Protein backbone atom coordinates (compact mmCIF):
# COMPACT_ATOMS: atom_id res chain seq x y z
CA UNK A 1 -0.07 0.02 0.00
CA UNK A 2 1.27 3.44 -0.91
CA UNK A 3 2.78 5.30 2.13
CA UNK A 4 3.07 9.28 2.39
CA UNK A 5 4.36 11.52 5.10
CA UNK A 6 2.11 14.38 6.21
CA UNK A 7 4.05 17.46 7.61
CA UNK A 8 0.93 18.44 9.46
CA UNK A 9 -0.47 16.47 12.62
CA UNK A 10 -2.97 13.87 11.59
CA UNK A 11 -6.35 13.38 13.47
CA UNK A 12 -9.80 11.94 12.60
CA UNK A 13 -12.18 14.46 11.26
CA UNK A 14 -12.64 16.43 7.94
CA UNK A 15 -11.30 15.24 4.74
CA UNK A 16 -7.50 16.15 4.51
CA UNK A 17 -5.74 17.92 1.65
CA UNK A 18 -2.24 16.23 1.08
CA UNK A 19 0.84 18.25 0.93
CA UNK A 20 1.82 19.25 -2.76
CA UNK A 21 4.67 16.53 -2.89
CA UNK A 22 2.41 13.79 -1.60
CA UNK A 23 -0.32 14.92 -4.01
CA UNK A 24 2.16 14.63 -6.94
CA UNK A 25 3.11 11.05 -5.84
CA UNK A 26 -0.62 10.12 -5.71
CA UNK A 27 -1.13 11.39 -9.13
CA UNK A 28 1.90 9.72 -10.49
CA UNK A 29 0.66 6.34 -8.96
CA UNK A 30 -2.74 7.03 -10.70
CA UNK A 31 -4.74 6.41 -7.38
CA UNK A 32 -8.51 7.08 -7.62
CA UNK A 33 -11.13 8.12 -5.22
CA UNK A 34 -11.79 5.17 -3.18
CA UNK A 35 -8.16 3.86 -3.34
CA UNK A 36 -6.46 3.02 -0.05
CA UNK A 37 -3.25 4.61 1.41
CA UNK A 38 -1.22 5.08 4.64
CA UNK A 39 -0.21 8.25 6.22
CA UNK A 40 2.15 9.17 9.11
CA UNK A 41 3.15 12.29 10.50
CA UNK A 42 6.29 11.28 12.62
CA UNK A 43 4.38 11.45 15.94
CA UNK A 44 4.10 7.83 16.11
CA UNK A 45 1.90 5.21 14.50
CA UNK A 46 0.18 5.42 11.10
CA UNK A 47 -3.35 5.99 9.71
CA UNK A 48 -5.24 4.11 7.22
CA UNK A 49 -6.93 6.44 4.72
CA UNK A 50 -8.86 6.64 1.53
CA UNK A 51 -8.78 9.05 -1.57
CA UNK A 52 -11.93 10.98 -1.70
CA UNK A 53 -11.01 13.66 -4.37
CA UNK A 54 -8.60 14.01 -7.05
CA UNK A 55 -8.00 17.36 -8.65
CA UNK A 56 -5.33 18.95 -10.87
CA UNK A 57 -3.25 20.01 -8.00
CA UNK A 58 -4.99 18.90 -4.93
CA UNK A 59 -5.63 15.46 -3.59
CA UNK A 60 -8.11 15.09 -0.61
CA UNK A 61 -8.27 12.04 1.70
CA UNK A 62 -10.33 10.83 4.52
CA UNK A 63 -8.49 9.35 7.62
CA UNK A 64 -10.16 5.97 8.70
CA UNK A 65 -8.24 4.35 11.46
CA UNK A 66 -5.05 4.89 13.52
CA UNK A 67 -2.72 2.06 13.94
CA UNK A 68 -0.16 2.20 16.82
CA UNK A 69 2.42 0.64 14.64
CA UNK A 70 6.13 1.19 15.59
CA UNK A 71 9.18 0.02 13.73
CA UNK A 72 11.88 1.67 15.71
CA UNK A 73 15.32 0.03 16.69
CA UNK A 74 15.44 -1.58 20.19
CA UNK A 75 17.83 1.36 21.26
CA UNK A 76 18.32 4.74 20.02
CA UNK A 77 21.56 5.26 18.06
CA UNK A 78 22.54 8.74 17.13
CA UNK A 79 24.94 9.52 14.33
CA UNK A 80 27.43 12.12 14.49
CA UNK A 81 29.10 11.97 11.10
CA UNK A 82 31.99 14.00 9.55
CA UNK A 83 30.25 14.71 6.18
CA UNK A 84 31.41 12.72 3.17
CA UNK A 85 31.52 14.57 -0.14
CA UNK A 86 29.22 14.51 -3.08
CA UNK A 87 26.37 12.09 -3.20
CA UNK A 88 27.86 9.93 -0.30
CA UNK A 89 26.10 11.87 2.22
CA UNK A 90 22.83 11.56 0.67
CA UNK A 91 23.34 7.83 0.51
CA UNK A 92 24.29 7.79 4.03
CA UNK A 93 21.33 9.62 5.33
CA UNK A 94 19.04 7.23 3.28
CA UNK A 95 20.61 4.05 4.61
CA UNK A 96 20.88 5.35 8.08
CA UNK A 97 17.21 6.02 8.12
CA UNK A 98 16.25 2.74 6.81
CA UNK A 99 18.63 1.00 9.58
CA UNK A 100 16.99 2.85 12.36
CA UNK A 101 19.08 5.90 13.24
CA UNK A 102 17.44 8.02 15.91
CA UNK A 103 19.05 11.37 14.56
CA UNK A 104 21.86 12.41 12.14
CA UNK A 105 24.14 15.29 13.06
CA UNK A 106 26.53 16.39 10.28
CA UNK A 107 29.77 17.86 11.36
CA UNK A 108 32.58 19.53 9.49
CA UNK A 109 35.97 18.28 10.48
CA UNK A 110 39.72 19.26 9.64
CA UNK A 111 39.77 16.68 6.90
CA UNK A 112 36.17 17.39 5.53
CA UNK A 113 36.03 18.00 1.76
CA UNK A 114 32.43 19.17 2.02
CA UNK A 115 32.21 22.68 3.70
CA UNK A 116 28.80 24.21 4.44
CA UNK A 117 27.85 27.48 5.82
CA UNK A 118 24.77 29.81 5.59
CA UNK A 119 22.06 29.48 3.21
CA UNK A 120 23.97 26.73 1.51
CA UNK A 121 24.00 24.62 4.68
CA UNK A 122 20.15 25.43 5.17
CA UNK A 123 19.61 23.99 1.78
CA UNK A 124 21.54 21.00 2.19
CA UNK A 125 19.91 20.23 5.47
CA UNK A 126 16.52 20.61 3.99
CA UNK A 127 17.65 18.29 1.12
CA UNK A 128 18.89 15.60 3.70
CA UNK A 129 15.80 15.84 5.71
CA UNK A 130 13.68 15.21 2.56
CA UNK A 131 15.65 11.99 1.85
CA UNK A 132 15.11 10.92 5.34
CA UNK A 133 11.28 11.30 4.85
CA UNK A 134 11.37 9.43 1.61
CA UNK A 135 13.43 6.67 3.36
CA UNK A 136 10.84 6.31 5.97
CA UNK A 137 7.95 6.24 3.28
CA UNK A 138 9.71 3.39 1.72
CA UNK A 139 11.04 1.48 4.66
CA UNK A 140 7.94 1.59 6.95
CA UNK A 141 9.28 3.64 9.83
CA UNK A 142 6.73 6.01 11.38
CA UNK A 143 8.88 8.39 13.19
CA UNK A 144 11.40 10.51 10.88
CA UNK A 145 14.77 11.03 12.29
CA UNK A 146 15.95 14.61 12.44
CA UNK A 147 18.79 15.64 10.37
CA UNK A 148 20.31 18.47 12.09
CA UNK A 149 21.98 21.62 10.95
CA UNK A 150 25.72 21.13 9.98
CA UNK A 151 28.07 22.16 12.67
CA UNK A 152 31.89 22.34 13.11
CA UNK A 153 32.92 19.35 15.08
CA UNK A 154 34.37 21.57 17.76
CA UNK A 155 31.10 23.40 18.36
CA UNK A 156 29.20 20.24 18.63
CA UNK A 157 31.64 18.81 21.04
CA UNK A 158 31.41 21.90 23.31
CA UNK A 159 27.63 21.25 23.60
CA UNK A 160 27.91 17.44 23.97
CA UNK A 161 26.81 17.19 27.66
CA UNK A 162 23.78 19.30 26.76
CA UNK A 163 22.89 17.01 23.88
CA UNK A 164 23.82 13.62 25.35
CA UNK A 165 23.16 14.10 28.83
CA UNK A 166 25.95 14.19 31.73
CA UNK A 167 27.48 12.41 33.26
CA UNK A 168 28.27 10.01 30.40
CA UNK A 169 27.13 6.67 31.02
CA UNK A 170 29.43 3.72 30.02
CA UNK A 171 29.00 2.99 26.13
CA UNK A 172 26.93 6.11 25.85
CA UNK A 173 29.45 8.04 23.77
CA UNK A 174 31.64 6.17 21.24
CA UNK A 175 34.10 7.61 18.48
CA UNK A 176 35.04 5.03 15.84
CA UNK A 177 38.77 4.62 15.97
CA UNK A 178 41.79 2.89 14.58
CA UNK A 179 43.68 3.08 17.95
CA UNK A 180 45.24 0.00 19.09
CA UNK A 181 43.36 -1.02 22.22
CA UNK A 182 39.93 0.27 20.94
CA UNK A 183 37.20 -2.13 22.13
CA UNK A 184 35.09 -3.78 19.43
CA UNK A 185 31.86 -1.54 18.84
CA UNK A 186 29.38 -4.25 20.01
CA UNK A 187 31.36 -4.83 23.13
CA UNK A 188 31.86 -1.03 23.96
CA UNK A 189 28.05 -0.38 23.61
CA UNK A 190 26.86 -3.39 25.28
CA UNK A 191 25.33 -1.59 28.37
CA UNK A 192 23.80 1.52 26.69
CA UNK A 193 20.30 1.76 25.77
CA UNK A 194 20.99 5.13 23.85
CA UNK A 195 24.11 6.14 22.40
CA UNK A 196 26.00 8.61 20.21
CA UNK A 197 28.51 7.36 17.73
CA UNK A 198 30.92 9.76 16.19
CA UNK A 199 33.10 9.21 13.08
CA UNK A 200 35.11 11.26 10.75
CA UNK A 201 34.95 12.06 7.03
CA UNK A 202 37.21 11.00 4.31
CA UNK A 203 40.63 10.50 6.06
CA UNK A 204 39.05 10.21 9.24
CA UNK A 205 39.31 12.39 12.48
CA UNK A 206 42.73 14.24 12.96
CA UNK A 207 44.60 13.20 16.21
CA UNK A 208 43.52 16.54 17.79
CA UNK A 209 39.66 15.91 17.09
CA UNK A 210 39.86 12.29 18.39
CA UNK A 211 41.69 13.54 21.40
CA UNK A 212 38.88 16.49 21.97
CA UNK A 213 36.11 13.74 21.64
CA UNK A 214 37.84 11.61 24.42
CA UNK A 215 38.15 14.68 26.59
CA UNK A 216 34.22 14.97 26.25
CA UNK A 217 33.70 11.39 27.44
CA UNK A 218 33.74 9.57 24.15
CA UNK A 219 35.48 6.07 24.38
CA UNK A 220 37.30 4.63 21.31
CA UNK A 221 35.53 1.80 19.51
CA UNK A 222 36.58 -0.31 16.57
CA UNK A 223 34.75 -1.75 13.47
CA UNK A 224 37.89 -4.05 12.87
CA UNK A 225 41.23 -3.62 11.15
CA UNK A 226 39.98 -2.52 7.80
CA UNK A 227 39.67 1.18 7.07
CA UNK A 228 35.90 1.87 5.97
CA UNK A 229 34.65 4.73 3.92
CA UNK A 230 32.87 7.32 6.00
CA UNK A 231 29.41 6.22 4.68
CA UNK A 232 30.27 2.76 5.04
CA UNK A 233 31.23 3.00 8.60
CA UNK A 234 27.78 4.62 9.54
CA UNK A 235 25.96 1.58 7.98
CA UNK A 236 28.22 -0.98 9.58
CA UNK A 237 27.74 0.79 13.20
CA UNK A 238 24.09 0.80 12.78
CA UNK A 239 23.73 -2.65 11.46
CA UNK A 240 25.88 -3.85 14.64
CA UNK A 241 23.86 -1.65 17.16
CA UNK A 242 20.32 -1.06 15.89
CA UNK A 243 19.08 -4.16 14.02
């Protein structure tokens, strides 16, 4: 059944006009009055609905029944990712959403190729958030993970206690590292019900950045001896921790 995200809160009542983007998708699918579809607004659960009116630019639906269905991961894994360049960040956001990331925080690091600021950063954030919405429509998640505004890594680390809570619980804050002696990721995170996983962009975090993360309560964790691409590291970490 077709699934669509509603940026407006959903509740039973009068017929609802779909957003312009959802209406276009309904028209592309050639749905007709009487056809069924599923709507969700990100607050939890989903609604069974029925198309009641098809217009040139407007599609109206009737909400029928709320279903308290959740498909979230058993624990909340928040990604703090050194932004990879080109389309790799798009791919990362899509796959991280499918795998159950609770939130995604893009950060700019010393070795980042992608540099964003001002209006360009706002446009890219909106683009990534739209990718997360589309991934939820496809995979069945009813809660859309927020993709936060890009920040310099140093700024995010200064705010880490406010974001992650304090004091840091064992396994709650992890930085992917190739340091000798780093614990395997699954073992390092074993006791945490919610955690933040930080990793660098192409080329990884600098020694100074990793030291700054450790000073903020992050513990080094390993995905093995192979050097993974930035976007691969996110997917591998989520597959280990969230599925």
